[in-house]
Amino acid sequence: MNPEEIGKIIKDIRQKYNMSQKDFADKFGVTYQAVSKWENGKNIPDISILKEISEEYEISLDDVLLNKKVNNHNKKIIGIITISLLVILILLMCLIIKNNDFEFKTITTNCSDFTVTGSMAYNKDKSSIYISHITYCGKEDFTKYKEINCTLYEVNESSKIIIDKCKKENDISLEDFLKNVKFNIDNYDAVCKKYSENSLYLEIDALTKNESIITYKVPLKIEDNCK
């Protein structure tokens, strides 16, 4: 225990609450001379009084004994530094995005049974696809399926390319399945290509317990050229 540091803590508490040495002394049943000696580092309070002080002003007794002084001014400085660093980080991120010259397209669907929320981010070097939300809004379907697969395709004149897929088994409804479906395909293509109408689409295959398959095809709408 460092008497001088403990004295500084006691003095800070007293001044923070606009108390005289006598007021502080009366509160804890000691003389003002004792408080003066505490604050000057010539003596320290009994452990029972230190406990009372820590409880009264909500300061950890361990912090006092280990000289971990609670300093509101230092807290403010730390807070300002933290906020400043966050602002700098945000500015750097904005600068990086600006330098990479990213553009964005919204991905939607013309299919009346499904709502899709997604986007494509692209620049001169790459394009990436993000689909974060798919909702089934067709007729009510409470079926518990044995297995459901969801596949994201790209279709062109000569081929059908699987971009990504997800799968869930064991008694799951279509609604519950779609709540957790997300596609995040980074570096999908080296350039931002031109997309024809419905060249991207989702295919959802739901396997019933009777081994029959219900298939939903969800064409995705995206602008067909890059700016």
C-alpha atoms as a PDB file:
ATOM      1  CA  MET A   1       0.000   0.000   0.000  1.00  0.00           C
ATOM      2  CA  ASN A   2       1.289   3.444  -0.917  1.00  0.00           C
ATOM      3  CA  PRO A   3       0.061   6.033   1.655  1.00  0.00           C
ATOM      4  CA  GLU A   4       0.550   8.942  -0.762  1.00  0.00           C
ATOM      5  CA  GLU A   5      -1.556   7.316  -3.485  1.00  0.00           C
ATOM      6  CA  ILE A   6      -4.285   6.363  -0.996  1.00  0.00           C
ATOM      7  CA  GLY A   7      -4.219   9.949   0.281  1.00  0.00           C
ATOM      8  CA  LYS A   8      -4.702  11.278  -3.265  1.00  0.00           C
ATOM      9  CA  ILE A   9      -7.700   9.005  -3.751  1.00  0.00           C
ATOM     10  CA  ILE A  10      -9.299  10.198  -0.492  1.00  0.00           C
ATOM     11  CA  LYS A  11      -8.657  13.835  -1.393  1.00  0.00           C
ATOM     12  CA  ASP A  12     -10.140  13.378  -4.872  1.00  0.00           C
ATOM     13  CA  ILE A  13     -13.275  11.796  -3.390  1.00  0.00           C
ATOM     14  CA  ARG A  14     -13.684  14.579  -0.811  1.00  0.00           C
ATOM     15  CA  GLN A  15     -13.232  17.354  -3.381  1.00  0.00           C
ATOM     16  CA  LYS A  16     -15.512  15.664  -5.892  1.00  0.00           C
ATOM     17  CA  TYR A  17     -18.359  15.765  -3.361  1.00  0.00           C
ATOM     18  CA  ASN A  18     -17.503  19.310  -2.174  1.00  0.00           C
ATOM     19  CA  MET A  19     -16.754  18.227   1.371  1.00  0.00           C
ATOM     20  CA  SER A  20     -14.374  19.862   3.813  1.00  0.00           C
ATOM     21  CA  GLN A  21     -11.912  17.765   5.760  1.00  0.00           C
ATOM     22  CA  LYS A  22     -14.179  18.176   8.789  1.00  0.00           C
ATOM     23  CA  ASP A  23     -17.263  17.035   6.833  1.00  0.00           C
ATOM     24  CA  PHE A  24     -15.379  13.985   5.653  1.00  0.00           C
ATOM     25  CA  ALA A  25     -14.023  13.307   9.147  1.00  0.00           C
ATOM     26  CA  ASP A  26     -17.496  13.552  10.732  1.00  0.00           C
ATOM     27  CA  LYS A  27     -18.911  11.147   8.157  1.00  0.00           C
ATOM     28  CA  PHE A  28     -16.465   8.431   9.167  1.00  0.00           C
ATOM     29  CA  GLY A  29     -16.143   9.226  12.870  1.00  0.00           C
ATOM     30  CA  VAL A  30     -12.573  10.573  12.902  1.00  0.00           C
ATOM     31  CA  THR A  31     -10.940  13.959  13.464  1.00  0.00           C
ATOM     32  CA  TYR A  32     -10.212  16.392  10.635  1.00  0.00           C
ATOM     33  CA  GLN A  33      -6.525  16.149  11.650  1.00  0.00           C
ATOM     34  CA  ALA A  34      -6.671  12.407  10.787  1.00  0.00           C
ATOM     35  CA  VAL A  35      -8.127  13.204   7.352  1.00  0.00           C
ATOM     36  CA  SER A  36      -5.371  15.785   6.794  1.00  0.00           C
ATOM     37  CA  LYS A  37      -2.702  13.174   7.617  1.00  0.00           C
ATOM     38  CA  TRP A  38      -4.345  10.695   5.210  1.00  0.00           C
ATOM     39  CA  GLU A  39      -4.351  13.188   2.382  1.00  0.00           C
ATOM     40  CA  ASN A  40      -0.733  14.188   3.032  1.00  0.00           C
ATOM     41  CA  GLY A  41       0.389  10.562   2.982  1.00  0.00           C
ATOM     42  CA  LYS A  42       1.515  10.652   6.606  1.00  0.00           C
ATOM     43  CA  ASN A  43      -0.926   7.986   7.677  1.00  0.00           C
ATOM     44  CA  ILE A  44      -3.560   5.684   6.225  1.00  0.00           C
ATOM     45  CA  PRO A  45      -7.067   4.842   7.466  1.00  0.00           C
ATOM     46  CA  ASP A  46      -7.805   1.592   9.258  1.00  0.00           C
ATOM     47  CA  ILE A  47      -8.928  -1.171   6.924  1.00  0.00           C
ATOM     48  CA  SER A  48     -12.484  -0.923   8.343  1.00  0.00           C
ATOM     49  CA  ILE A  49     -12.644   2.788   7.411  1.00  0.00           C
ATOM     50  CA  LEU A  50     -11.202   2.070   3.955  1.00  0.00           C
ATOM     51  CA  LYS A  51     -13.968  -0.481   3.496  1.00  0.00           C
ATOM     52  CA  GLU A  52     -16.593   2.070   4.504  1.00  0.00           C
ATOM     53  CA  ILE A  53     -15.147   4.629   2.064  1.00  0.00           C
ATOM     54  CA  SER A  54     -15.077   2.115  -0.798  1.00  0.00           C
ATOM     55  CA  GLU A  55     -18.687   1.057  -0.155  1.00  0.00           C
ATOM     56  CA  GLU A  56     -19.949   4.611   0.271  1.00  0.00           C
ATOM     57  CA  TYR A  57     -18.401   5.868  -2.967  1.00  0.00           C
ATOM     58  CA  GLU A  58     -18.577   2.600  -4.939  1.00  0.00           C
ATOM     59  CA  ILE A  59     -14.816   2.190  -5.375  1.00  0.00           C
ATOM     60  CA  SER A  60     -13.217  -1.249  -5.315  1.00  0.00           C
ATOM     61  CA  LEU A  61     -11.198  -1.739  -2.137  1.00  0.00           C
ATOM     62  CA  ASP A  62      -8.692  -3.752  -4.162  1.00  0.00           C
ATOM     63  CA  ASP A  63      -8.229  -0.793  -6.490  1.00  0.00           C
ATOM     64  CA  VAL A  64      -7.471   1.452  -3.519  1.00  0.00           C
ATOM     65  CA  LEU A  65      -5.042  -0.957  -1.880  1.00  0.00           C
ATOM     66  CA  LEU A  66      -3.304  -1.729  -5.201  1.00  0.00           C
ATOM     67  CA  ASN A  67      -3.109   1.984  -6.040  1.00  0.00           C
ATOM     68  CA  LYS A  68      -5.349   1.658  -9.120  1.00  0.00           C
ATOM     69  CA  LYS A  69      -6.714   5.159  -8.816  1.00  0.00           C
ATOM     70  CA  VAL A  70     -10.032   5.884 -10.468  1.00  0.00           C
ATOM     71  CA  ASN A  71      -9.502   9.094 -12.336  1.00  0.00           C
ATOM     72  CA  ASN A  72     -12.476  10.545 -14.201  1.00  0.00           C
ATOM     73  CA  HIS A  73     -10.225  12.881 -16.147  1.00  0.00           C
ATOM     74  CA  ASN A  74      -8.180   9.950 -17.416  1.00  0.00           C
ATOM     75  CA  LYS A  75     -11.394   8.138 -18.332  1.00  0.00           C
ATOM     76  CA  LYS A  76     -12.463  11.105 -20.433  1.00  0.00           C
ATOM     77  CA  ILE A  77      -9.080  11.169 -22.170  1.00  0.00           C
ATOM     78  CA  ILE A  78      -9.302   7.428 -22.896  1.00  0.00           C
ATOM     79  CA  GLY A  79     -12.829   7.915 -24.233  1.00  0.00           C
ATOM     80  CA  ILE A  80     -11.725  10.754 -26.516  1.00  0.00           C
ATOM     81  CA  ILE A  81      -8.791   8.693 -27.810  1.00  0.00           C
ATOM     82  CA  THR A  82     -11.076   5.700 -28.462  1.00  0.00           C
ATOM     83  CA  ILE A  83     -13.606   7.814 -30.371  1.00  0.00           C
ATOM     84  CA  SER A  84     -10.813   9.458 -32.359  1.00  0.00           C
ATOM     85  CA  LEU A  85      -9.403   6.066 -33.349  1.00  0.00           C
ATOM     86  CA  LEU A  86     -12.854   4.898 -34.453  1.00  0.00           C
ATOM     87  CA  VAL A  87     -13.316   8.025 -36.569  1.00  0.00           C
ATOM     88  CA  ILE A  88      -9.892   7.493 -38.162  1.00  0.00           C
ATOM     89  CA  LEU A  89     -10.764   3.846 -38.859  1.00  0.00           C
ATOM     90  CA  ILE A  90     -14.053   4.818 -40.520  1.00  0.00           C
ATOM     91  CA  LEU A  91     -12.308   7.452 -42.639  1.00  0.00           C
ATOM     92  CA  LEU A  92      -9.683   4.906 -43.708  1.00  0.00           C
ATOM     93  CA  MET A  93     -12.396   2.423 -44.664  1.00  0.00           C
ATOM     94  CA  CYS A  94     -14.189   5.078 -46.691  1.00  0.00           C
ATOM     95  CA  LEU A  95     -10.912   5.989 -48.362  1.00  0.00           C
ATOM     96  CA  ILE A  96     -10.202   2.357 -49.228  1.00  0.00           C
ATOM     97  CA  ILE A  97     -13.684   1.920 -50.683  1.00  0.00           C
ATOM     98  CA  LYS A  98     -13.329   5.132 -52.644  1.00  0.00           C
ATOM     99  CA  ASN A  99      -9.917   4.137 -53.962  1.00  0.00           C
ATOM    100  CA  ASN A 100     -11.259   0.737 -54.979  1.00  0.00           C
ATOM    101  CA  ASP A 101     -14.057   2.586 -56.786  1.00  0.00           C
ATOM    102  CA  PHE A 102     -16.746   0.051 -55.882  1.00  0.00           C
ATOM    103  CA  GLU A 103     -20.185   0.285 -57.417  1.00  0.00           C
ATOM    104  CA  PHE A 104     -23.292  -1.537 -56.215  1.00  0.00           C
ATOM    105  CA  LYS A 105     -26.296  -3.171 -57.840  1.00  0.00           C
ATOM    106  CA  THR A 106     -29.440  -4.363 -56.130  1.00  0.00           C
ATOM    107  CA  ILE A 107     -30.506  -7.983 -56.607  1.00  0.00           C
ATOM    108  CA  THR A 108     -34.270  -8.580 -56.587  1.00  0.00           C
ATOM    109  CA  THR A 109     -36.691 -11.098 -58.102  1.00  0.00           C
ATOM    110  CA  ASN A 110     -39.670 -11.052 -60.447  1.00  0.00           C
ATOM    111  CA  CYS A 111     -41.016 -14.214 -58.826  1.00  0.00           C
ATOM    112  CA  SER A 112     -44.241 -13.408 -56.959  1.00  0.00           C
ATOM    113  CA  ASP A 113     -43.769 -16.253 -54.460  1.00  0.00           C
ATOM    114  CA  PHE A 114     -40.416 -15.066 -53.089  1.00  0.00           C
ATOM    115  CA  THR A 115     -38.851 -11.841 -51.858  1.00  0.00           C
ATOM    116  CA  VAL A 116     -35.073 -11.548 -52.155  1.00  0.00           C
ATOM    117  CA  THR A 117     -32.766  -8.932 -50.650  1.00  0.00           C
ATOM    118  CA  GLY A 118     -29.265  -8.831 -52.077  1.00  0.00           C
ATOM    119  CA  SER A 119     -26.625  -6.820 -53.868  1.00  0.00           C
ATOM    120  CA  MET A 120     -23.598  -7.052 -56.109  1.00  0.00           C
ATOM    121  CA  ALA A 121     -20.452  -5.043 -55.376  1.00  0.00           C
ATOM    122  CA  TYR A 122     -17.987  -4.573 -58.211  1.00  0.00           C
ATOM    123  CA  ASN A 123     -15.069  -2.551 -59.504  1.00  0.00           C
ATOM    124  CA  LYS A 124     -12.685  -2.940 -62.409  1.00  0.00           C
ATOM    125  CA  ASP A 125     -10.941  -5.912 -60.757  1.00  0.00           C
ATOM    126  CA  LYS A 126     -13.681  -8.089 -59.305  1.00  0.00           C
ATOM    127  CA  SER A 127     -17.356  -8.573 -58.518  1.00  0.00           C
ATOM    128  CA  SER A 128     -18.950 -10.124 -55.441  1.00  0.00           C
ATOM    129  CA  ILE A 129     -22.477 -11.343 -54.722  1.00  0.00           C
ATOM    130  CA  TYR A 130     -24.296 -10.960 -51.385  1.00  0.00           C
ATOM    131  CA  ILE A 131     -27.782 -12.336 -50.705  1.00  0.00           C
ATOM    132  CA  SER A 132     -28.835 -11.797 -47.114  1.00  0.00           C
ATOM    133  CA  HIS A 133     -32.577 -12.423 -46.999  1.00  0.00           C
ATOM    134  CA  ILE A 134     -35.003 -14.755 -48.805  1.00  0.00           C
ATOM    135  CA  THR A 135     -38.694 -14.939 -47.856  1.00  0.00           C
ATOM    136  CA  TYR A 136     -41.374 -17.285 -49.177  1.00  0.00           C
ATOM    137  CA  CYS A 137     -44.626 -15.376 -49.665  1.00  0.00           C
ATOM    138  CA  GLY A 138     -46.620 -17.921 -51.691  1.00  0.00           C
ATOM    139  CA  LYS A 139     -49.457 -20.058 -50.360  1.00  0.00           C
ATOM    140  CA  GLU A 140     -49.084 -21.309 -46.807  1.00  0.00           C
ATOM    141  CA  ASP A 141     -46.797 -24.315 -46.498  1.00  0.00           C
ATOM    142  CA  PHE A 142     -46.558 -26.019 -43.100  1.00  0.00           C
ATOM    143  CA  THR A 143     -44.888 -29.154 -44.434  1.00  0.00           C
ATOM    144  CA  LYS A 144     -41.910 -30.515 -42.522  1.00  0.00           C
ATOM    145  CA  TYR A 145     -39.495 -31.580 -45.221  1.00  0.00           C
ATOM    146  CA  LYS A 146     -36.933 -34.340 -44.956  1.00  0.00           C
ATOM    147  CA  GLU A 147     -34.334 -32.221 -46.760  1.00  0.00           C
ATOM    148  CA  ILE A 148     -34.144 -28.827 -48.479  1.00  0.00           C
ATOM    149  CA  ASN A 149     -31.431 -27.686 -50.886  1.00  0.00           C
ATOM    150  CA  CYS A 150     -30.929 -24.150 -52.199  1.00  0.00           C
ATOM    151  CA  THR A 151     -28.585 -23.531 -55.132  1.00  0.00           C
ATOM    152  CA  LEU A 152     -27.487 -20.251 -56.691  1.00  0.00           C
ATOM    153  CA  TYR A 153     -26.864 -20.612 -60.440  1.00  0.00           C
ATOM    154  CA  GLU A 154     -25.613 -18.524 -63.306  1.00  0.00           C
ATOM    155  CA  VAL A 155     -26.988 -19.487 -66.678  1.00  0.00           C
ATOM    156  CA  ASN A 156     -25.609 -18.460 -70.052  1.00  0.00           C
ATOM    157  CA  GLU A 157     -26.142 -19.700 -73.581  1.00  0.00           C
ATOM    158  CA  SER A 158     -23.964 -22.770 -73.241  1.00  0.00           C
ATOM    159  CA  SER A 159     -23.861 -23.739 -69.571  1.00  0.00           C
ATOM    160  CA  LYS A 160     -25.369 -23.644 -66.093  1.00  0.00           C
ATOM    161  CA  ILE A 161     -22.783 -22.792 -63.448  1.00  0.00           C
ATOM    162  CA  ILE A 162     -23.290 -23.499 -59.737  1.00  0.00           C
ATOM    163  CA  ILE A 163     -22.111 -20.455 -57.814  1.00  0.00           C
ATOM    164  CA  ASP A 164     -22.960 -21.636 -54.297  1.00  0.00           C
ATOM    165  CA  LYS A 165     -25.379 -23.932 -52.466  1.00  0.00           C
ATOM    166  CA  CYS A 166     -26.744 -24.703 -49.013  1.00  0.00           C
ATOM    167  CA  LYS A 167     -28.553 -27.672 -47.501  1.00  0.00           C
ATOM    168  CA  LYS A 168     -30.577 -28.546 -44.410  1.00  0.00           C
ATOM    169  CA  GLU A 169     -31.931 -31.926 -43.277  1.00  0.00           C
ATOM    170  CA  ASN A 170     -34.368 -33.381 -40.749  1.00  0.00           C
ATOM    171  CA  ASP A 171     -37.905 -32.012 -40.338  1.00  0.00           C
ATOM    172  CA  ILE A 172     -37.616 -28.408 -41.414  1.00  0.00           C
ATOM    173  CA  SER A 173     -40.219 -26.134 -42.957  1.00  0.00           C
ATOM    174  CA  LEU A 174     -39.494 -23.989 -45.988  1.00  0.00           C
ATOM    175  CA  GLU A 175     -39.994 -20.817 -43.960  1.00  0.00           C
ATOM    176  CA  ASP A 176     -37.556 -21.862 -41.222  1.00  0.00           C
ATOM    177  CA  PHE A 177     -35.023 -23.008 -43.801  1.00  0.00           C
ATOM    178  CA  LEU A 178     -35.030 -19.699 -45.661  1.00  0.00           C
ATOM    179  CA  LYS A 179     -34.497 -17.705 -42.438  1.00  0.00           C
ATOM    180  CA  ASN A 180     -30.928 -19.010 -42.308  1.00  0.00           C
ATOM    181  CA  VAL A 181     -30.072 -18.955 -46.013  1.00  0.00           C
ATOM    182  CA  LYS A 182     -27.354 -16.446 -46.882  1.00  0.00           C
ATOM    183  CA  PHE A 183     -24.957 -16.273 -49.812  1.00  0.00           C
ATOM    184  CA  ASN A 184     -21.697 -14.357 -49.553  1.00  0.00           C
ATOM    185  CA  ILE A 185     -19.534 -14.940 -52.590  1.00  0.00           C
ATOM    186  CA  ASP A 186     -16.442 -12.762 -52.648  1.00  0.00           C
ATOM    187  CA  ASN A 187     -14.197 -12.465 -55.721  1.00  0.00           C
ATOM    188  CA  TYR A 188     -16.902 -14.101 -57.817  1.00  0.00           C
ATOM    189  CA  ASP A 189     -15.547 -12.819 -61.107  1.00  0.00           C
ATOM    190  CA  ALA A 190     -12.497 -10.891 -62.241  1.00  0.00           C
ATOM    191  CA  VAL A 191     -14.627  -8.340 -64.082  1.00  0.00           C
ATOM    192  CA  CYS A 192     -18.118  -6.989 -63.811  1.00  0.00           C
ATOM    193  CA  LYS A 193     -19.889  -8.893 -66.567  1.00  0.00           C
ATOM    194  CA  LYS A 194     -23.058  -8.039 -68.392  1.00  0.00           C
ATOM    195  CA  TYR A 195     -25.983 -10.031 -67.048  1.00  0.00           C
ATOM    196  CA  SER A 196     -28.922 -10.864 -69.264  1.00  0.00           C
ATOM    197  CA  GLU A 197     -32.457 -11.092 -67.924  1.00  0.00           C
ATOM    198  CA  ASN A 198     -32.738 -13.870 -65.295  1.00  0.00           C
ATOM    199  CA  SER A 199     -29.208 -15.162 -65.900  1.00  0.00           C
ATOM    200  CA  LEU A 200     -28.858 -15.531 -62.133  1.00  0.00           C
ATOM    201  CA  TYR A 201     -31.423 -17.606 -60.290  1.00  0.00           C
ATOM    202  CA  LEU A 202     -32.064 -19.669 -57.190  1.00  0.00           C
ATOM    203  CA  GLU A 203     -33.346 -23.219 -57.291  1.00  0.00           C
ATOM    204  CA  ILE A 204     -34.915 -24.603 -54.120  1.00  0.00           C
ATOM    205  CA  ASP A 205     -35.551 -28.368 -53.914  1.00  0.00           C
ATOM    206  CA  ALA A 206     -37.644 -29.634 -51.001  1.00  0.00           C
ATOM    207  CA  LEU A 207     -37.689 -33.398 -50.397  1.00  0.00           C
ATOM    208  CA  THR A 208     -40.826 -34.684 -48.671  1.00  0.00           C
ATOM    209  CA  LYS A 209     -40.934 -37.673 -46.339  1.00  0.00           C
ATOM    210  CA  ASN A 210     -42.573 -39.594 -49.205  1.00  0.00           C
ATOM    211  CA  GLU A 211     -39.416 -38.973 -51.278  1.00  0.00           C
ATOM    212  CA  SER A 212     -41.140 -36.606 -53.710  1.00  0.00           C
ATOM    213  CA  ILE A 213     -39.385 -33.344 -54.627  1.00  0.00           C
ATOM    214  CA  ILE A 214     -40.976 -29.918 -54.834  1.00  0.00           C
ATOM    215  CA  THR A 215     -38.861 -27.483 -56.870  1.00  0.00           C
ATOM    216  CA  TYR A 216     -39.026 -23.699 -56.824  1.00  0.00           C
ATOM    217  CA  LYS A 217     -37.126 -21.682 -59.429  1.00  0.00           C
ATOM    218  CA  VAL A 218     -36.528 -18.077 -58.443  1.00  0.00           C
ATOM    219  CA  PRO A 219     -35.089 -15.859 -61.201  1.00  0.00           C
ATOM    220  CA  LEU A 220     -33.013 -12.957 -59.891  1.00  0.00           C
ATOM    221  CA  LYS A 221     -33.251  -9.541 -61.456  1.00  0.00           C
ATOM    222  CA  ILE A 222     -30.096  -7.469 -61.831  1.00  0.00           C
ATOM    223  CA  GLU A 223     -29.085  -4.636 -64.138  1.00  0.00           C
ATOM    224  CA  ASP A 224     -27.606  -6.108 -67.278  1.00  0.00           C
ATOM    225  CA  ASN A 225     -24.658  -3.785 -67.674  1.00  0.00           C
ATOM    226  CA  CYS A 226     -21.914  -2.128 -65.643  1.00  0.00           C
ATOM    227  CA  LYS A 227     -21.552   1.601 -65.358  1.00  0.00           C
END
